[in-house]
């Protein structure tokens, strides 16, 4: 998170891969596409 409480695309990707490995540790996607609909802020 930056000083404005925003995150960047790299952090979104980290959260995504963490969630995928918690759900199914053997999942290895070959392609990921992210579409942003609104910003994410802490709280």
N, C-alpha and C. Protein backbone atom coordinates (compact mmCIF):
# COMPACT_ATOMS: atom_id res chain seq x y z
N UNK A 1 0.83 -1.18 0.00
CA UNK A 1 0.00 0.00 0.00
C UNK A 1 0.88 1.25 0.00
N UNK A 2 0.49 2.22 -0.79
CA UNK A 2 1.24 3.47 -0.79
C UNK A 2 0.69 4.42 0.27
N UNK A 3 1.23 5.62 0.33
CA UNK A 3 0.81 6.56 1.38
C UNK A 3 -0.65 7.01 1.25
N UNK A 4 -1.26 6.78 0.08
CA UNK A 4 -2.66 7.12 -0.13
C UNK A 4 -3.59 5.94 0.13
N UNK A 5 -3.01 4.81 0.56
CA UNK A 5 -3.82 3.63 0.84
C UNK A 5 -4.17 2.82 -0.40
N UNK A 6 -3.47 3.03 -1.51
CA UNK A 6 -3.71 2.30 -2.75
C UNK A 6 -2.67 1.20 -2.92
N UNK A 7 -3.01 0.22 -3.71
CA UNK A 7 -2.08 -0.85 -4.03
C UNK A 7 -1.77 -0.81 -5.53
N UNK A 8 -0.85 -1.66 -5.98
CA UNK A 8 -0.52 -1.67 -7.40
C UNK A 8 -0.79 -3.05 -8.01
N UNK A 9 -0.63 -3.16 -9.31
CA UNK A 9 -0.97 -4.40 -10.02
C UNK A 9 -0.15 -5.58 -9.51
N UNK A 10 1.08 -5.34 -9.13
CA UNK A 10 1.92 -6.44 -8.62
C UNK A 10 1.32 -7.03 -7.34
N UNK A 11 0.83 -6.20 -6.47
CA UNK A 11 0.24 -6.69 -5.22
C UNK A 11 -1.05 -7.46 -5.50
N UNK A 12 -1.87 -6.98 -6.44
CA UNK A 12 -3.06 -7.73 -6.83
C UNK A 12 -2.68 -9.13 -7.30
N UNK A 13 -1.62 -9.22 -8.11
CA UNK A 13 -1.17 -10.51 -8.62
C UNK A 13 -0.69 -11.40 -7.48
N UNK A 14 0.03 -10.84 -6.51
CA UNK A 14 0.46 -11.62 -5.34
C UNK A 14 -0.74 -12.19 -4.59
N UNK A 15 -1.76 -11.35 -4.36
CA UNK A 15 -2.97 -11.81 -3.67
C UNK A 15 -3.65 -12.92 -4.46
N UNK A 16 -3.72 -12.77 -5.77
CA UNK A 16 -4.35 -13.77 -6.63
C UNK A 16 -3.62 -15.10 -6.55
N UNK A 17 -2.31 -15.09 -6.67
CA UNK A 17 -1.56 -16.34 -6.64
C UNK A 17 -1.61 -16.98 -5.25
N UNK A 18 -1.59 -16.17 -4.20
CA UNK A 18 -1.74 -16.72 -2.84
C UNK A 18 -3.08 -17.44 -2.70
N UNK A 19 -4.15 -16.82 -3.18
CA UNK A 19 -5.49 -17.41 -3.09
C UNK A 19 -5.57 -18.69 -3.91
N UNK A 20 -4.97 -18.72 -5.09
CA UNK A 20 -5.01 -19.92 -5.94
C UNK A 20 -4.27 -21.07 -5.26
N UNK A 21 -3.14 -20.79 -4.63
CA UNK A 21 -2.38 -21.86 -3.98
C UNK A 21 -3.04 -22.34 -2.70
N UNK A 22 -3.80 -21.48 -2.03
CA UNK A 22 -4.55 -21.92 -0.85
C UNK A 22 -5.70 -22.83 -1.27
N UNK A 23 -6.29 -22.51 -2.42
CA UNK A 23 -7.43 -23.29 -2.91
C UNK A 23 -6.98 -24.62 -3.50
N UNK A 24 -5.90 -24.60 -4.28
CA UNK A 24 -5.41 -25.79 -4.96
C UNK A 24 -3.92 -25.60 -5.23
N UNK A 25 -3.09 -26.11 -4.38
CA UNK A 25 -1.65 -25.89 -4.46
C UNK A 25 -0.98 -26.36 -5.74
N UNK A 26 -1.66 -27.17 -6.54
CA UNK A 26 -1.06 -27.70 -7.76
C UNK A 26 -1.47 -26.94 -9.00
N UNK A 27 -2.24 -25.88 -8.83
CA UNK A 27 -2.72 -25.11 -9.98
C UNK A 27 -1.61 -24.22 -10.52
N UNK A 28 -1.29 -24.36 -11.80
CA UNK A 28 -0.27 -23.56 -12.46
C UNK A 28 -0.85 -22.93 -13.72
N UNK A 29 -1.46 -21.76 -13.60
CA UNK A 29 -2.06 -21.14 -14.78
C UNK A 29 -1.00 -20.70 -15.79
N UNK A 30 -1.36 -20.72 -17.05
CA UNK A 30 -0.44 -20.27 -18.09
C UNK A 30 -0.77 -18.85 -18.55
N UNK A 31 -1.94 -18.34 -18.14
CA UNK A 31 -2.35 -17.00 -18.55
C UNK A 31 -3.24 -16.41 -17.48
N UNK A 32 -2.99 -15.15 -17.15
CA UNK A 32 -3.82 -14.44 -16.17
C UNK A 32 -4.16 -13.08 -16.77
N UNK A 33 -5.42 -12.71 -16.72
CA UNK A 33 -5.87 -11.39 -17.17
C UNK A 33 -6.61 -10.72 -16.05
N UNK A 34 -6.23 -9.49 -15.73
CA UNK A 34 -6.92 -8.74 -14.69
C UNK A 34 -7.61 -7.54 -15.31
N UNK A 35 -8.85 -7.31 -14.91
CA UNK A 35 -9.62 -6.16 -15.36
C UNK A 35 -10.01 -5.36 -14.12
N UNK A 36 -9.68 -4.09 -14.12
CA UNK A 36 -9.95 -3.25 -12.95
C UNK A 36 -11.26 -2.51 -13.11
N UNK A 37 -12.17 -2.72 -12.17
CA UNK A 37 -13.45 -2.05 -12.19
C UNK A 37 -13.52 -0.90 -11.20
N UNK A 38 -12.76 -0.98 -10.13
CA UNK A 38 -12.68 0.12 -9.16
C UNK A 38 -11.42 -0.07 -8.32
N UNK A 39 -11.07 0.94 -7.57
CA UNK A 39 -9.86 0.86 -6.77
C UNK A 39 -10.10 0.07 -5.49
N UNK A 40 -9.04 -0.41 -4.91
CA UNK A 40 -9.08 -1.15 -3.66
C UNK A 40 -8.33 -0.34 -2.62
N UNK A 41 -8.96 -0.11 -1.49
CA UNK A 41 -8.31 0.64 -0.41
C UNK A 41 -8.43 -0.13 0.89
N UNK A 42 -7.51 0.11 1.79
CA UNK A 42 -7.49 -0.55 3.08
C UNK A 42 -8.72 -0.14 3.89
N UNK A 43 -9.40 -1.14 4.47
CA UNK A 43 -10.56 -0.86 5.32
C UNK A 43 -11.82 -0.75 4.53
